[in-house]
């Protein structure tokens, strides 16, 4: 029933207390005309298949007037890190014009990403701030600015020597020819992580 969300994949797990208090709802021949309510989500958790840890929060409060949806500061826990956001949606039934402000503090990439099958592992702490606005139904209307920083960034299990040899294309079969000439001790280094 929400067109913007029709292609969004469902989470693996969703739990929490969801309370809606409807003060006024007007329904006409074209469907919902206006709605005034408040929405509270408490002790919630959302598990996505793309993340190794669930996203959770203690409380999220939203106010819905006849034309606008707003949130008080929304605090989301992702592993040991946090995401703080404020969002407002004007004319949520039609144009869905939104204004978003987000700050990300100390999200540990090694903790939240499932890297068990990845040939190269990523480590670091993600910090970011983002402000964006636009219309939810029109991706081309979205504009904003932000900054991202990864502190203590590391790539693990990356064999730089092997990668460099693989990328030198102007000498045919360089890696195989070089490997044939190396001692066993140095051949093993080509397979090191």
N, C-alpha and C. Protein backbone atom coordinates (compact mmCIF):
# COMPACT_ATOMS: atom_id res chain seq x y z
N UNK A 1 0.80 -1.21 0.00
CA UNK A 1 0.00 0.00 0.00
C UNK A 1 0.84 1.27 0.00
N UNK A 2 2.16 1.17 0.22
CA UNK A 2 3.04 2.34 0.17
C UNK A 2 3.93 2.18 -1.06
N UNK A 3 3.61 2.93 -2.11
CA UNK A 3 4.27 2.77 -3.40
C UNK A 3 5.78 2.90 -3.35
N UNK A 4 6.29 3.82 -2.52
CA UNK A 4 7.73 4.07 -2.45
C UNK A 4 8.47 2.83 -1.95
N UNK A 5 7.81 2.02 -1.13
CA UNK A 5 8.46 0.87 -0.51
C UNK A 5 8.25 -0.44 -1.25
N UNK A 6 7.59 -0.42 -2.41
CA UNK A 6 7.22 -1.67 -3.06
C UNK A 6 8.42 -2.53 -3.48
N UNK A 7 9.58 -1.90 -3.78
CA UNK A 7 10.75 -2.66 -4.21
C UNK A 7 11.77 -2.86 -3.10
N UNK A 8 11.46 -2.41 -1.90
CA UNK A 8 12.39 -2.55 -0.77
C UNK A 8 12.30 -3.98 -0.24
N UNK A 9 13.44 -4.68 -0.13
CA UNK A 9 13.39 -6.06 0.38
C UNK A 9 13.02 -6.07 1.86
N UNK A 10 12.30 -7.08 2.26
CA UNK A 10 11.88 -7.20 3.66
C UNK A 10 13.05 -7.66 4.52
N UNK A 11 13.08 -7.25 5.78
CA UNK A 11 14.16 -7.69 6.67
C UNK A 11 14.01 -9.16 7.05
N UNK A 12 15.14 -9.76 7.50
CA UNK A 12 15.09 -11.14 7.98
C UNK A 12 14.26 -11.23 9.26
N UNK A 13 14.41 -10.21 10.13
CA UNK A 13 13.71 -10.23 11.41
C UNK A 13 13.36 -8.80 11.79
N UNK A 14 12.18 -8.60 12.35
CA UNK A 14 11.73 -7.30 12.82
C UNK A 14 10.95 -7.53 14.10
N UNK A 15 11.36 -6.86 15.19
CA UNK A 15 10.61 -7.02 16.42
C UNK A 15 10.62 -5.71 17.19
N UNK A 16 9.67 -5.56 18.09
CA UNK A 16 9.57 -4.37 18.91
C UNK A 16 8.12 -4.06 19.22
N UNK A 17 7.90 -3.05 20.04
CA UNK A 17 6.55 -2.60 20.38
C UNK A 17 6.21 -1.41 19.50
N UNK A 18 5.13 -1.52 18.76
CA UNK A 18 4.70 -0.50 17.81
C UNK A 18 3.34 0.02 18.26
N UNK A 19 3.27 1.29 18.65
CA UNK A 19 2.02 1.89 19.12
C UNK A 19 1.63 3.05 18.23
N UNK A 20 0.39 3.04 17.77
CA UNK A 20 -0.14 4.12 16.94
C UNK A 20 -1.36 4.69 17.64
N UNK A 21 -1.37 6.00 17.80
CA UNK A 21 -2.52 6.68 18.37
C UNK A 21 -3.09 7.58 17.30
N UNK A 22 -4.27 7.22 16.78
CA UNK A 22 -4.90 7.99 15.70
C UNK A 22 -5.91 8.95 16.32
N UNK A 23 -5.63 10.24 16.13
CA UNK A 23 -6.52 11.28 16.63
C UNK A 23 -7.64 11.54 15.62
N UNK A 24 -7.27 11.57 14.33
CA UNK A 24 -8.24 11.88 13.29
C UNK A 24 -7.79 11.23 11.98
N UNK A 25 -8.73 10.59 11.30
CA UNK A 25 -8.45 10.02 9.98
C UNK A 25 -9.65 10.30 9.08
N UNK A 26 -9.38 10.85 7.90
CA UNK A 26 -10.45 11.15 6.95
C UNK A 26 -10.20 10.32 5.70
N UNK A 27 -11.19 9.51 5.34
CA UNK A 27 -11.08 8.65 4.17
C UNK A 27 -12.18 9.04 3.20
N UNK A 28 -11.82 9.20 1.92
CA UNK A 28 -12.78 9.56 0.89
C UNK A 28 -12.73 8.56 -0.25
N UNK A 29 -13.39 8.86 -1.35
CA UNK A 29 -13.41 7.94 -2.50
C UNK A 29 -12.02 7.64 -3.06
N UNK A 30 -11.08 8.59 -2.91
CA UNK A 30 -9.72 8.39 -3.43
C UNK A 30 -8.80 7.75 -2.40
N UNK A 31 -9.33 7.37 -1.26
CA UNK A 31 -8.50 6.76 -0.22
C UNK A 31 -8.31 7.70 0.95
N UNK A 32 -7.18 7.56 1.64
CA UNK A 32 -6.88 8.37 2.81
C UNK A 32 -6.65 9.82 2.41
N UNK A 33 -7.43 10.73 3.00
CA UNK A 33 -7.35 12.15 2.69
C UNK A 33 -6.44 12.86 3.69
N UNK A 34 -6.63 12.60 4.97
CA UNK A 34 -5.77 13.20 5.99
C UNK A 34 -5.70 12.28 7.20
N UNK A 35 -4.63 12.47 7.97
CA UNK A 35 -4.40 11.64 9.14
C UNK A 35 -3.65 12.46 10.17
N UNK A 36 -4.11 12.41 11.41
CA UNK A 36 -3.40 13.03 12.52
C UNK A 36 -3.18 11.94 13.56
N UNK A 37 -1.91 11.67 13.85
CA UNK A 37 -1.61 10.59 14.79
C UNK A 37 -0.21 10.73 15.34
N UNK A 38 0.10 9.87 16.29
CA UNK A 38 1.47 9.76 16.77
C UNK A 38 1.84 8.29 16.73
N UNK A 39 3.10 8.03 16.44
CA UNK A 39 3.59 6.66 16.31
C UNK A 39 4.80 6.52 17.22
N UNK A 40 4.83 5.43 18.00
CA UNK A 40 5.98 5.18 18.87
C UNK A 40 6.44 3.74 18.66
N UNK A 41 7.72 3.61 18.46
CA UNK A 41 8.35 2.31 18.31
C UNK A 41 9.32 2.16 19.47
N UNK A 42 9.15 1.12 20.30
CA UNK A 42 9.99 0.94 21.49
C UNK A 42 10.69 -0.41 21.45
N UNK A 43 11.92 -0.42 21.98
CA UNK A 43 12.70 -1.66 22.11
C UNK A 43 12.66 -2.47 20.82
N UNK A 44 13.04 -1.82 19.74
CA UNK A 44 12.91 -2.45 18.43
C UNK A 44 14.25 -2.97 17.94
N UNK A 45 14.15 -3.93 17.02
CA UNK A 45 15.33 -4.53 16.41
C UNK A 45 14.98 -4.93 14.98
N UNK A 46 15.91 -4.69 14.08
CA UNK A 46 15.73 -4.99 12.66
C UNK A 46 16.97 -5.72 12.18
N UNK A 47 16.81 -6.92 11.65
CA UNK A 47 17.95 -7.70 11.15
C UNK A 47 17.86 -7.77 9.63
N UNK A 48 18.91 -7.23 8.97
CA UNK A 48 19.00 -7.28 7.51
C UNK A 48 20.03 -8.31 7.11
N UNK A 49 19.81 -9.01 6.02
CA UNK A 49 20.75 -10.06 5.59
C UNK A 49 22.10 -9.50 5.21
N UNK A 50 22.17 -8.21 4.83
CA UNK A 50 23.42 -7.60 4.42
C UNK A 50 24.34 -7.26 5.59
N UNK A 51 23.81 -7.25 6.81
CA UNK A 51 24.58 -6.86 7.99
C UNK A 51 24.73 -8.04 8.95
N UNK A 52 25.89 -8.12 9.59
CA UNK A 52 26.16 -9.21 10.53
C UNK A 52 25.48 -8.99 11.87
N UNK A 53 25.18 -7.75 12.23
CA UNK A 53 24.53 -7.44 13.50
C UNK A 53 23.21 -6.73 13.23
N UNK A 54 22.24 -6.84 14.14
CA UNK A 54 20.97 -6.15 13.92
C UNK A 54 21.07 -4.65 14.20
N UNK A 55 20.15 -3.91 13.64
CA UNK A 55 19.97 -2.49 13.91
C UNK A 55 18.93 -2.42 15.02
N UNK A 56 19.17 -1.60 16.04
CA UNK A 56 18.22 -1.56 17.15
C UNK A 56 18.10 -0.16 17.72
N UNK A 57 17.08 0.04 18.54
CA UNK A 57 16.87 1.32 19.19
C UNK A 57 15.94 1.17 20.37
N UNK A 58 16.04 2.10 21.30
CA UNK A 58 15.17 2.07 22.47
C UNK A 58 13.80 2.65 22.15
N UNK A 59 13.78 3.83 21.53
CA UNK A 59 12.50 4.47 21.23
C UNK A 59 12.62 5.34 19.99
N UNK A 60 11.56 5.36 19.22
CA UNK A 60 11.45 6.24 18.06
C UNK A 60 10.05 6.83 18.08
N UNK A 61 9.97 8.15 18.07
CA UNK A 61 8.67 8.83 18.12
C UNK A 61 8.46 9.64 16.86
N UNK A 62 7.28 9.49 16.27
CA UNK A 62 6.91 10.22 15.07
C UNK A 62 5.57 10.91 15.30
N UNK A 63 5.45 12.12 14.80
CA UNK A 63 4.18 12.86 14.85
C UNK A 63 3.68 12.99 13.42
N UNK A 64 2.40 12.72 13.24
CA UNK A 64 1.79 12.81 11.92
C UNK A 64 0.65 13.81 12.01
N UNK A 65 0.78 14.91 11.25
CA UNK A 65 -0.30 15.89 11.17
C UNK A 65 -1.03 15.66 9.85
N UNK A 66 -1.91 16.58 9.50
CA UNK A 66 -2.67 16.41 8.26
C UNK A 66 -1.78 16.42 7.02
N UNK A 67 -0.62 17.09 7.11
CA UNK A 67 0.22 17.17 5.92
C UNK A 67 1.68 16.81 6.17
N UNK A 68 2.06 16.55 7.41
CA UNK A 68 3.47 16.42 7.71
C UNK A 68 3.74 15.26 8.68
N UNK A 69 4.87 14.58 8.45
CA UNK A 69 5.36 13.54 9.35
C UNK A 69 6.72 14.00 9.85
N UNK A 70 6.91 14.06 11.16
CA UNK A 70 8.20 14.48 11.71
C UNK A 70 8.63 13.52 12.80
N UNK A 71 9.93 13.44 13.00
CA UNK A 71 10.46 12.61 14.07
C UNK A 71 11.24 13.48 15.04
N UNK A 72 11.19 13.10 16.30
CA UNK A 72 12.14 13.68 17.24
C UNK A 72 13.45 12.98 16.92
N UNK A 73 14.52 13.33 17.63
CA UNK A 73 15.80 12.70 17.28
C UNK A 73 15.69 11.19 17.43
N UNK A 74 15.99 10.52 16.36
CA UNK A 74 15.95 9.07 16.28
C UNK A 74 17.37 8.55 16.51
N UNK A 75 17.55 7.70 17.53
CA UNK A 75 18.87 7.15 17.84
C UNK A 75 18.83 5.66 17.53
N UNK A 76 19.73 5.24 16.65
CA UNK A 76 19.80 3.86 16.19
C UNK A 76 21.15 3.29 16.58
N UNK A 77 21.16 2.10 17.16
CA UNK A 77 22.41 1.42 17.49
C UNK A 77 22.72 0.40 16.40
N UNK A 78 23.96 0.42 15.96
CA UNK A 78 24.43 -0.55 14.98
C UNK A 78 25.76 -1.08 15.50
N UNK A 79 25.71 -2.24 16.13
CA UNK A 79 26.89 -2.75 16.83
C UNK A 79 27.21 -1.79 17.96
N UNK A 80 28.49 -1.40 18.06
CA UNK A 80 28.90 -0.46 19.10
C UNK A 80 28.73 0.99 18.66
N UNK A 81 28.38 1.22 17.41
CA UNK A 81 28.22 2.57 16.89
C UNK A 81 26.78 3.05 16.95
N UNK A 82 26.60 4.33 16.61
CA UNK A 82 25.27 4.93 16.65
C UNK A 82 25.01 5.76 15.40
N UNK A 83 23.73 5.82 15.05
CA UNK A 83 23.26 6.70 13.99
C UNK A 83 22.17 7.57 14.61
N UNK A 84 22.33 8.89 14.52
CA UNK A 84 21.32 9.81 15.02
C UNK A 84 20.72 10.52 13.82
N UNK A 85 19.40 10.60 13.78
CA UNK A 85 18.75 11.20 12.61
C UNK A 85 17.52 11.98 13.02
N UNK A 86 17.20 12.97 12.21
CA UNK A 86 15.94 13.69 12.30
C UNK A 86 15.38 13.73 10.89
N UNK A 87 14.10 13.44 10.77
CA UNK A 87 13.50 13.42 9.44
C UNK A 87 12.14 14.12 9.49
N UNK A 88 11.84 14.79 8.42
CA UNK A 88 10.53 15.41 8.24
C UNK A 88 10.04 15.12 6.83
N UNK A 89 8.77 14.78 6.71
CA UNK A 89 8.18 14.53 5.39
C UNK A 89 6.95 15.42 5.28
N UNK A 90 6.98 16.32 4.28
CA UNK A 90 5.86 17.23 4.04
C UNK A 90 5.00 16.62 2.93
N UNK A 91 3.70 16.72 3.09
CA UNK A 91 2.73 16.18 2.13
C UNK A 91 3.00 14.70 1.88
N UNK A 92 3.03 13.93 2.99
CA UNK A 92 3.40 12.51 2.93
C UNK A 92 2.45 11.66 2.10
N UNK A 93 1.23 12.14 1.86
CA UNK A 93 0.28 11.37 1.05
C UNK A 93 0.48 11.57 -0.45
N UNK A 94 1.10 12.70 -0.85
CA UNK A 94 1.24 12.97 -2.29
C UNK A 94 2.69 13.17 -2.70
N UNK A 95 3.25 14.35 -2.46
CA UNK A 95 4.59 14.65 -3.00
C UNK A 95 5.72 14.01 -2.19
N UNK A 96 5.50 13.72 -0.92
CA UNK A 96 6.50 13.08 -0.04
C UNK A 96 7.83 13.82 -0.08
N UNK A 97 7.78 15.14 0.13
CA UNK A 97 8.98 15.95 0.18
C UNK A 97 9.63 15.76 1.54
N UNK A 98 10.89 15.33 1.55
CA UNK A 98 11.53 15.01 2.83
C UNK A 98 12.74 15.88 3.09
N UNK A 99 13.08 15.99 4.35
CA UNK A 99 14.27 16.70 4.82
C UNK A 99 14.91 15.79 5.87
N UNK A 100 16.16 15.41 5.65
CA UNK A 100 16.83 14.43 6.50
C UNK A 100 18.16 14.97 6.99
N UNK A 101 18.44 14.77 8.26
CA UNK A 101 19.73 15.13 8.85
C UNK A 101 20.21 13.92 9.65
N UNK A 102 21.43 13.45 9.36
CA UNK A 102 21.94 12.22 9.97
C UNK A 102 23.39 12.41 10.40
N UNK A 103 23.72 11.80 11.54
CA UNK A 103 25.10 11.76 12.00
C UNK A 103 25.42 10.33 12.42
N UNK A 104 26.54 9.81 11.92
CA UNK A 104 26.98 8.44 12.22
C UNK A 104 28.24 8.54 13.06
N UNK A 105 28.26 7.79 14.17
CA UNK A 105 29.40 7.86 15.10
C UNK A 105 29.92 6.46 15.40
N UNK A 106 31.15 6.19 15.00
CA UNK A 106 31.90 5.03 15.44
C UNK A 106 31.34 3.67 15.07
N UNK A 107 30.84 3.51 13.85
CA UNK A 107 30.36 2.20 13.43
C UNK A 107 31.56 1.37 12.98
N UNK A 108 31.76 0.23 13.63
CA UNK A 108 32.90 -0.66 13.37
C UNK A 108 32.57 -1.53 12.16
N UNK A 109 33.23 -1.27 11.03
CA UNK A 109 32.94 -1.99 9.79
C UNK A 109 33.20 -3.49 9.92
N UNK A 110 34.24 -3.88 10.65
CA UNK A 110 34.54 -5.30 10.84
C UNK A 110 33.43 -6.00 11.62
N UNK A 111 32.77 -5.26 12.50
CA UNK A 111 31.71 -5.84 13.33
C UNK A 111 30.39 -5.98 12.59
N UNK A 112 30.05 -4.99 11.76
CA UNK A 112 28.71 -4.99 11.16
C UNK A 112 28.62 -5.70 9.82
N UNK A 113 29.75 -5.84 9.10
CA UNK A 113 29.71 -6.47 7.78
C UNK A 113 30.02 -7.96 7.89
N UNK A 114 29.23 -8.78 7.22
CA UNK A 114 29.53 -10.21 7.16
C UNK A 114 30.59 -10.41 6.09
N UNK A 115 31.82 -10.61 6.53
CA UNK A 115 32.95 -10.72 5.61
C UNK A 115 33.52 -12.13 5.58
N UNK A 116 32.74 -13.10 6.05
CA UNK A 116 33.26 -14.47 6.13
C UNK A 116 33.64 -15.03 4.76
N UNK A 117 32.97 -14.62 3.70
CA UNK A 117 33.27 -15.12 2.36
C UNK A 117 34.09 -14.14 1.53
N UNK A 118 34.40 -12.97 2.09
CA UNK A 118 35.12 -11.95 1.33
C UNK A 118 36.60 -12.30 1.25
N UNK A 119 37.20 -12.17 0.06
CA UNK A 119 38.63 -12.47 -0.07
C UNK A 119 39.50 -11.44 0.65
N UNK A 120 39.01 -10.20 0.75
CA UNK A 120 39.73 -9.14 1.46
C UNK A 120 38.78 -8.59 2.51
N UNK A 121 39.27 -8.46 3.74
CA UNK A 121 38.45 -7.98 4.86
C UNK A 121 38.71 -6.48 5.08
N UNK A 122 37.68 -5.78 5.55
CA UNK A 122 37.75 -4.35 5.79
C UNK A 122 37.60 -4.10 7.28
N UNK A 123 38.44 -3.20 7.82
CA UNK A 123 38.33 -2.78 9.21
C UNK A 123 38.34 -1.26 9.25
N UNK A 124 37.78 -0.70 10.31
CA UNK A 124 37.81 0.74 10.51
C UNK A 124 36.54 1.22 11.18
N UNK A 125 36.59 2.43 11.69
CA UNK A 125 35.44 3.06 12.34
C UNK A 125 34.88 4.14 11.43
N UNK A 126 33.59 4.05 11.13
CA UNK A 126 32.93 4.97 10.21
C UNK A 126 32.29 6.12 10.99
N UNK A 127 32.60 7.34 10.55
CA UNK A 127 31.99 8.56 11.07
C UNK A 127 31.46 9.32 9.86
N UNK A 128 30.27 9.89 9.99
CA UNK A 128 29.70 10.62 8.85
C UNK A 128 28.65 11.60 9.32
N UNK A 129 28.40 12.59 8.48
CA UNK A 129 27.24 13.47 8.67
C UNK A 129 26.65 13.70 7.28
N UNK A 130 25.33 13.76 7.24
CA UNK A 130 24.64 13.88 5.96
C UNK A 130 23.38 14.71 6.14
N UNK A 131 23.16 15.62 5.20
CA UNK A 131 21.91 16.38 5.12
C UNK A 131 21.40 16.21 3.70
N UNK A 132 20.15 15.83 3.57
CA UNK A 132 19.58 15.61 2.24
C UNK A 132 18.12 16.04 2.24
N UNK A 133 17.64 16.39 1.05
CA UNK A 133 16.22 16.69 0.88
C UNK A 133 15.83 16.36 -0.54
N UNK A 134 14.55 16.17 -0.73
CA UNK A 134 14.05 15.84 -2.05
C UNK A 134 12.67 15.23 -1.95
N UNK A 135 12.26 14.55 -3.01
CA UNK A 135 10.98 13.87 -3.03
C UNK A 135 11.24 12.38 -3.06
N UNK A 136 10.60 11.64 -2.15
CA UNK A 136 10.84 10.20 -2.02
C UNK A 136 10.58 9.43 -3.30
N UNK A 137 9.57 9.83 -4.07
CA UNK A 137 9.22 9.09 -5.27
C UNK A 137 10.12 9.43 -6.46
N UNK A 138 10.90 10.51 -6.38
CA UNK A 138 11.74 10.96 -7.49
C UNK A 138 13.20 11.02 -7.04
N UNK A 139 13.97 9.99 -7.35
CA UNK A 139 15.36 9.93 -6.93
C UNK A 139 16.20 11.07 -7.51
N UNK A 140 15.82 11.58 -8.68
CA UNK A 140 16.56 12.68 -9.30
C UNK A 140 16.40 14.00 -8.55
N UNK A 141 15.39 14.09 -7.70
CA UNK A 141 15.15 15.33 -6.96
C UNK A 141 15.99 15.42 -5.68
N UNK A 142 16.64 14.35 -5.29
CA UNK A 142 17.37 14.32 -4.02
C UNK A 142 18.68 15.08 -4.15
N UNK A 143 18.91 15.98 -3.20
CA UNK A 143 20.16 16.72 -3.15
C UNK A 143 20.60 16.83 -1.70
N UNK A 144 21.87 17.08 -1.51
CA UNK A 144 22.36 17.21 -0.15
C UNK A 144 23.86 17.26 -0.12
N UNK A 145 24.40 17.28 1.07
CA UNK A 145 25.84 17.23 1.22
C UNK A 145 26.16 16.44 2.49
N UNK A 146 27.38 15.96 2.53
CA UNK A 146 27.77 15.17 3.68
C UNK A 146 29.26 14.91 3.68
N UNK A 147 29.70 14.30 4.73
CA UNK A 147 31.10 13.92 4.83
C UNK A 147 31.19 12.53 5.45
N UNK A 148 32.15 11.75 4.96
CA UNK A 148 32.39 10.41 5.46
C UNK A 148 33.86 10.29 5.81
N UNK A 149 34.14 9.62 6.90
CA UNK A 149 35.53 9.40 7.31
C UNK A 149 35.61 8.00 7.92
N UNK A 150 36.63 7.25 7.52
CA UNK A 150 36.90 5.95 8.12
C UNK A 150 38.22 6.08 8.86
N UNK A 151 38.16 5.97 10.19
CA UNK A 151 39.37 6.07 11.01
C UNK A 151 39.90 4.66 11.26
N UNK A 152 41.22 4.58 11.39
CA UNK A 152 41.90 3.30 11.63
C UNK A 152 41.57 2.29 10.54
N UNK A 153 41.49 2.75 9.29
CA UNK A 153 41.10 1.90 8.16
C UNK A 153 42.20 0.89 7.83
N UNK A 154 41.78 -0.35 7.58
CA UNK A 154 42.71 -1.41 7.20
C UNK A 154 42.03 -2.35 6.21
N UNK A 155 42.82 -2.85 5.27
CA UNK A 155 42.40 -3.96 4.41
C UNK A 155 43.22 -5.15 4.86
N UNK A 156 42.54 -6.27 5.20
CA UNK A 156 43.25 -7.45 5.69
C UNK A 156 43.12 -8.58 4.67
N UNK A 157 44.07 -9.49 4.72
CA UNK A 157 44.10 -10.66 3.83
C UNK A 157 44.30 -10.26 2.37
N UNK A 158 44.99 -9.16 2.15
CA UNK A 158 45.25 -8.67 0.81
C UNK A 158 46.73 -8.91 0.50
N UNK A 159 47.01 -9.71 -0.53
CA UNK A 159 48.38 -9.97 -0.94
C UNK A 159 48.74 -8.96 -2.02
N UNK A 160 49.43 -7.90 -1.61
CA UNK A 160 49.75 -6.80 -2.52
C UNK A 160 50.67 -7.27 -3.64
N UNK A 161 51.66 -8.11 -3.31
CA UNK A 161 52.59 -8.60 -4.32
C UNK A 161 51.86 -9.36 -5.43
N UNK A 162 50.98 -10.27 -5.03
CA UNK A 162 50.24 -11.05 -6.02
C UNK A 162 49.32 -10.15 -6.85
N UNK A 163 48.69 -9.18 -6.20
CA UNK A 163 47.80 -8.27 -6.91
C UNK A 163 48.57 -7.44 -7.94
N UNK A 164 49.75 -6.94 -7.57
CA UNK A 164 50.56 -6.15 -8.50
C UNK A 164 50.99 -7.00 -9.69
N UNK A 165 51.44 -8.22 -9.43
CA UNK A 165 51.88 -9.11 -10.51
C UNK A 165 50.72 -9.43 -11.46
N UNK A 166 49.51 -9.62 -10.89
CA UNK A 166 48.33 -9.89 -11.72
C UNK A 166 47.99 -8.72 -12.63
N UNK A 167 48.31 -7.49 -12.21
CA UNK A 167 47.93 -6.29 -12.95
C UNK A 167 48.95 -5.87 -14.00
N UNK A 168 50.13 -6.44 -13.97
CA UNK A 168 51.14 -6.10 -14.99
C UNK A 168 50.84 -6.94 -16.23
N UNK A 169 50.14 -6.34 -17.15
CA UNK A 169 49.64 -7.06 -18.33
C UNK A 169 50.59 -7.00 -19.53
N UNK A 170 51.51 -6.04 -19.54
CA UNK A 170 52.35 -5.90 -20.73
C UNK A 170 53.46 -6.96 -20.80
N UNK A 171 53.68 -7.74 -19.75
CA UNK A 171 54.60 -8.87 -19.80
C UNK A 171 53.74 -10.13 -19.67
N UNK A 172 53.55 -10.87 -20.77
CA UNK A 172 52.67 -12.03 -20.74
C UNK A 172 53.13 -13.08 -19.72
N UNK A 173 52.18 -13.63 -18.98
CA UNK A 173 52.41 -14.70 -18.00
C UNK A 173 53.50 -14.36 -16.98
N UNK A 174 53.57 -13.10 -16.59
CA UNK A 174 54.62 -12.67 -15.66
C UNK A 174 54.57 -13.45 -14.34
N UNK A 175 53.38 -13.56 -13.78
CA UNK A 175 53.28 -14.23 -12.47
C UNK A 175 53.72 -15.69 -12.56
N UNK A 176 53.27 -16.41 -13.56
CA UNK A 176 53.63 -17.82 -13.71
C UNK A 176 55.12 -17.98 -13.96
N UNK A 177 55.70 -17.13 -14.81
CA UNK A 177 57.14 -17.22 -15.11
C UNK A 177 57.97 -16.86 -13.88
N UNK A 178 57.55 -15.85 -13.14
CA UNK A 178 58.27 -15.44 -11.94
C UNK A 178 58.16 -16.51 -10.86
N UNK A 179 56.98 -17.07 -10.72
CA UNK A 179 56.75 -18.10 -9.70
C UNK A 179 57.62 -19.33 -9.97
N UNK A 180 57.82 -19.69 -11.24
CA UNK A 180 58.64 -20.85 -11.58
C UNK A 180 60.10 -20.65 -11.19
N UNK A 181 60.55 -19.42 -11.14
CA UNK A 181 61.95 -19.12 -10.83
C UNK A 181 62.20 -18.92 -9.33
N UNK A 182 61.16 -18.77 -8.54
CA UNK A 182 61.33 -18.48 -7.11
C UNK A 182 61.64 -19.73 -6.29
N UNK A 183 62.30 -19.51 -5.16
CA UNK A 183 62.50 -20.61 -4.20
C UNK A 183 61.17 -20.88 -3.51
N UNK A 184 61.06 -22.03 -2.85
CA UNK A 184 59.82 -22.40 -2.17
C UNK A 184 59.42 -21.37 -1.12
N UNK A 185 60.40 -20.79 -0.44
CA UNK A 185 60.14 -19.79 0.59
C UNK A 185 59.42 -18.57 -0.01
N UNK A 186 59.88 -18.10 -1.17
CA UNK A 186 59.26 -16.94 -1.80
C UNK A 186 57.97 -17.30 -2.53
N UNK A 187 57.84 -18.53 -3.02
CA UNK A 187 56.58 -18.97 -3.64
C UNK A 187 55.45 -18.92 -2.62
N UNK A 188 55.77 -19.32 -1.39
CA UNK A 188 54.76 -19.30 -0.32
C UNK A 188 54.27 -17.89 -0.06
N UNK A 189 55.13 -16.89 -0.22
CA UNK A 189 54.73 -15.50 0.02
C UNK A 189 53.68 -15.02 -0.97
N UNK A 190 53.64 -15.62 -2.17
CA UNK A 190 52.61 -15.25 -3.14
C UNK A 190 51.22 -15.69 -2.69
N UNK A 191 51.15 -16.68 -1.81
CA UNK A 191 49.86 -17.15 -1.31
C UNK A 191 49.54 -16.63 0.09
N UNK A 192 50.45 -15.86 0.68
CA UNK A 192 50.21 -15.30 2.02
C UNK A 192 49.08 -14.30 1.98
N UNK A 193 48.47 -14.11 3.17
CA UNK A 193 47.46 -13.08 3.33
C UNK A 193 48.06 -11.98 4.16
